[in-house]
Amino acid sequence: MVRGPTLRLVNALADESVVNIFKNDYSQPIISQIMSQSAENLIQRRDNHLDAILGRLKEPRV
């Protein structure tokens, strides 16, 4: 089961992919190139406090 910071990151990437890249076209497959572009978009915008999320992902308990 995915929880905490990992879940927030997954949700942010999925939201970026579907809403901003595919413009709500749910029929499009989410492939690795799309996830990479989504990650880059989130990093550039810095709207999801990615530094905090990524820092937590490195904790041993995650």
N, C-alpha and C. Protein backbone atom coordinates (compact mmCIF):
# COMPACT_ATOMS: atom_id res chain seq x y z
N MET A 1 0.83 -1.18 0.00
CA MET A 1 0.00 0.00 0.00
C MET A 1 0.88 1.25 0.00
N VAL A 2 0.52 2.20 -0.82
CA VAL A 2 1.28 3.44 -0.92
C VAL A 2 0.67 4.45 0.04
N ARG A 3 1.55 5.11 0.82
CA ARG A 3 1.07 6.08 1.81
C ARG A 3 1.96 7.32 1.84
N GLY A 4 1.48 8.34 2.51
CA GLY A 4 2.27 9.51 2.82
C GLY A 4 2.87 10.21 1.62
N PRO A 5 4.15 10.58 1.73
CA PRO A 5 4.80 11.38 0.69
C PRO A 5 4.82 10.67 -0.66
N THR A 6 4.94 9.35 -0.64
CA THR A 6 4.97 8.61 -1.90
C THR A 6 3.64 8.76 -2.62
N LEU A 7 2.55 8.65 -1.89
CA LEU A 7 1.22 8.79 -2.48
C LEU A 7 1.02 10.20 -3.04
N ARG A 8 1.47 11.22 -2.31
CA ARG A 8 1.34 12.59 -2.79
C ARG A 8 2.12 12.80 -4.08
N LEU A 9 3.30 12.22 -4.17
CA LEU A 9 4.11 12.36 -5.38
C LEU A 9 3.46 11.64 -6.56
N VAL A 10 2.96 10.43 -6.32
CA VAL A 10 2.28 9.67 -7.38
C VAL A 10 1.06 10.44 -7.86
N ASN A 11 0.27 10.96 -6.93
CA ASN A 11 -0.92 11.72 -7.29
C ASN A 11 -0.56 12.99 -8.07
N ALA A 12 0.48 13.68 -7.66
CA ALA A 12 0.91 14.90 -8.35
C ALA A 12 1.35 14.58 -9.78
N LEU A 13 2.09 13.49 -9.96
CA LEU A 13 2.54 13.10 -11.30
C LEU A 13 1.35 12.70 -12.18
N ALA A 14 0.44 11.93 -11.63
CA ALA A 14 -0.74 11.52 -12.39
C ALA A 14 -1.60 12.72 -12.76
N ASP A 15 -1.79 13.62 -11.83
CA ASP A 15 -2.59 14.82 -12.10
C ASP A 15 -1.93 15.67 -13.18
N GLU A 16 -0.64 15.86 -13.10
CA GLU A 16 0.08 16.63 -14.12
C GLU A 16 -0.07 15.97 -15.48
N SER A 17 0.04 14.66 -15.51
CA SER A 17 -0.06 13.93 -16.78
C SER A 17 -1.44 14.09 -17.41
N VAL A 18 -2.46 13.81 -16.64
CA VAL A 18 -3.82 13.80 -17.19
C VAL A 18 -4.35 15.21 -17.42
N VAL A 19 -4.22 16.08 -16.45
CA VAL A 19 -4.83 17.40 -16.54
C VAL A 19 -4.05 18.33 -17.46
N ASN A 20 -2.76 18.44 -17.25
CA ASN A 20 -2.00 19.46 -17.97
C ASN A 20 -1.39 18.98 -19.28
N ILE A 21 -1.01 17.72 -19.37
CA ILE A 21 -0.42 17.24 -20.62
C ILE A 21 -1.50 16.70 -21.56
N PHE A 22 -2.39 15.86 -21.04
CA PHE A 22 -3.43 15.26 -21.88
C PHE A 22 -4.72 16.06 -21.92
N LYS A 23 -4.79 17.15 -21.20
CA LYS A 23 -5.98 18.02 -21.19
C LYS A 23 -7.25 17.22 -20.89
N ASN A 24 -7.17 16.40 -19.83
CA ASN A 24 -8.29 15.60 -19.33
C ASN A 24 -8.76 14.50 -20.29
N ASP A 25 -7.90 14.08 -21.19
CA ASP A 25 -8.22 12.96 -22.08
C ASP A 25 -7.75 11.67 -21.39
N TYR A 26 -8.67 11.03 -20.71
CA TYR A 26 -8.36 9.85 -19.91
C TYR A 26 -8.08 8.61 -20.75
N SER A 27 -8.28 8.69 -22.05
CA SER A 27 -8.05 7.53 -22.91
C SER A 27 -6.58 7.36 -23.27
N GLN A 28 -5.76 8.38 -23.00
CA GLN A 28 -4.34 8.32 -23.34
C GLN A 28 -3.57 7.47 -22.34
N PRO A 29 -2.66 6.63 -22.83
CA PRO A 29 -1.84 5.84 -21.90
C PRO A 29 -0.75 6.70 -21.27
N ILE A 30 -0.48 6.47 -20.01
CA ILE A 30 0.59 7.19 -19.33
C ILE A 30 1.84 6.32 -19.41
N ILE A 31 2.77 6.74 -20.24
CA ILE A 31 4.01 6.00 -20.46
C ILE A 31 5.16 6.71 -19.77
N SER A 32 6.30 6.09 -19.74
CA SER A 32 7.44 6.63 -18.99
C SER A 32 7.85 8.02 -19.47
N GLN A 33 7.75 8.29 -20.77
CA GLN A 33 8.12 9.62 -21.27
C GLN A 33 7.17 10.69 -20.73
N ILE A 34 5.91 10.34 -20.60
CA ILE A 34 4.93 11.29 -20.05
C ILE A 34 5.22 11.53 -18.57
N MET A 35 5.55 10.47 -17.83
CA MET A 35 5.87 10.64 -16.42
C MET A 35 7.12 11.50 -16.25
N SER A 36 8.10 11.31 -17.11
CA SER A 36 9.31 12.13 -17.06
C SER A 36 8.99 13.59 -17.32
N GLN A 37 8.14 13.84 -18.32
CA GLN A 37 7.74 15.22 -18.61
C GLN A 37 6.94 15.81 -17.46
N SER A 38 6.08 15.01 -16.85
CA SER A 38 5.29 15.47 -15.71
C SER A 38 6.21 15.85 -14.54
N ALA A 39 7.19 14.99 -14.28
CA ALA A 39 8.14 15.27 -13.20
C ALA A 39 8.89 16.57 -13.48
N GLU A 40 9.34 16.74 -14.71
CA GLU A 40 10.07 17.96 -15.07
C GLU A 40 9.18 19.19 -14.90
N ASN A 41 7.92 19.10 -15.32
CA ASN A 41 6.98 20.21 -15.15
C ASN A 41 6.80 20.57 -13.68
N LEU A 42 6.64 19.55 -12.83
CA LEU A 42 6.46 19.80 -11.40
C LEU A 42 7.71 20.43 -10.79
N ILE A 43 8.86 19.95 -11.20
CA ILE A 43 10.11 20.51 -10.68
C ILE A 43 10.25 21.97 -11.10
N GLN A 44 9.95 22.27 -12.35
CA GLN A 44 10.06 23.63 -12.85
C GLN A 44 9.09 24.57 -12.13
N ARG A 45 7.87 24.11 -11.88
CA ARG A 45 6.87 24.95 -11.21
C ARG A 45 7.08 25.01 -9.71
N ARG A 46 7.62 23.95 -9.13
CA ARG A 46 7.86 23.85 -7.69
C ARG A 46 6.57 24.11 -6.89
N ASP A 47 5.46 23.58 -7.40
CA ASP A 47 4.18 23.85 -6.74
C ASP A 47 3.73 22.77 -5.77
N ASN A 48 4.48 21.71 -5.64
CA ASN A 48 4.05 20.62 -4.76
C ASN A 48 5.03 20.34 -3.63
N HIS A 49 5.88 21.29 -3.32
CA HIS A 49 6.87 21.13 -2.26
C HIS A 49 7.65 19.83 -2.46
N LEU A 50 8.12 19.63 -3.69
CA LEU A 50 8.79 18.39 -4.04
C LEU A 50 10.03 18.13 -3.20
N ASP A 51 10.72 19.19 -2.79
CA ASP A 51 11.91 18.99 -1.97
C ASP A 51 11.55 18.25 -0.68
N ALA A 52 10.46 18.66 -0.06
CA ALA A 52 10.04 18.01 1.18
C ALA A 52 9.60 16.57 0.93
N ILE A 53 8.88 16.37 -0.16
CA ILE A 53 8.41 15.02 -0.48
C ILE A 53 9.60 14.12 -0.78
N LEU A 54 10.51 14.59 -1.62
CA LEU A 54 11.67 13.78 -1.98
C LEU A 54 12.55 13.49 -0.78
N GLY A 55 12.68 14.46 0.12
CA GLY A 55 13.46 14.24 1.33
C GLY A 55 12.86 13.13 2.18
N ARG A 56 11.57 13.10 2.27
CA ARG A 56 10.89 12.06 3.05
C ARG A 56 11.01 10.69 2.41
N LEU A 57 11.05 10.65 1.09
CA LEU A 57 11.19 9.37 0.39
C LEU A 57 12.52 8.71 0.69
N LYS A 58 13.51 9.49 1.08
CA LYS A 58 14.83 8.95 1.38
C LYS A 58 14.94 8.42 2.80
N GLU A 59 13.91 8.68 3.60
CA GLU A 59 13.93 8.18 4.98
C GLU A 59 13.85 6.66 4.98
N PRO A 60 14.54 6.00 5.90
CA PRO A 60 14.56 4.54 5.92
C PRO A 60 13.20 3.88 6.07
N ARG A 61 12.27 4.54 6.74
CA ARG A 61 10.97 3.92 6.99
C ARG A 61 10.08 3.90 5.76
N VAL A 62 10.45 4.60 4.69
CA VAL A 62 9.62 4.66 3.50
C VAL A 62 9.94 3.51 2.59
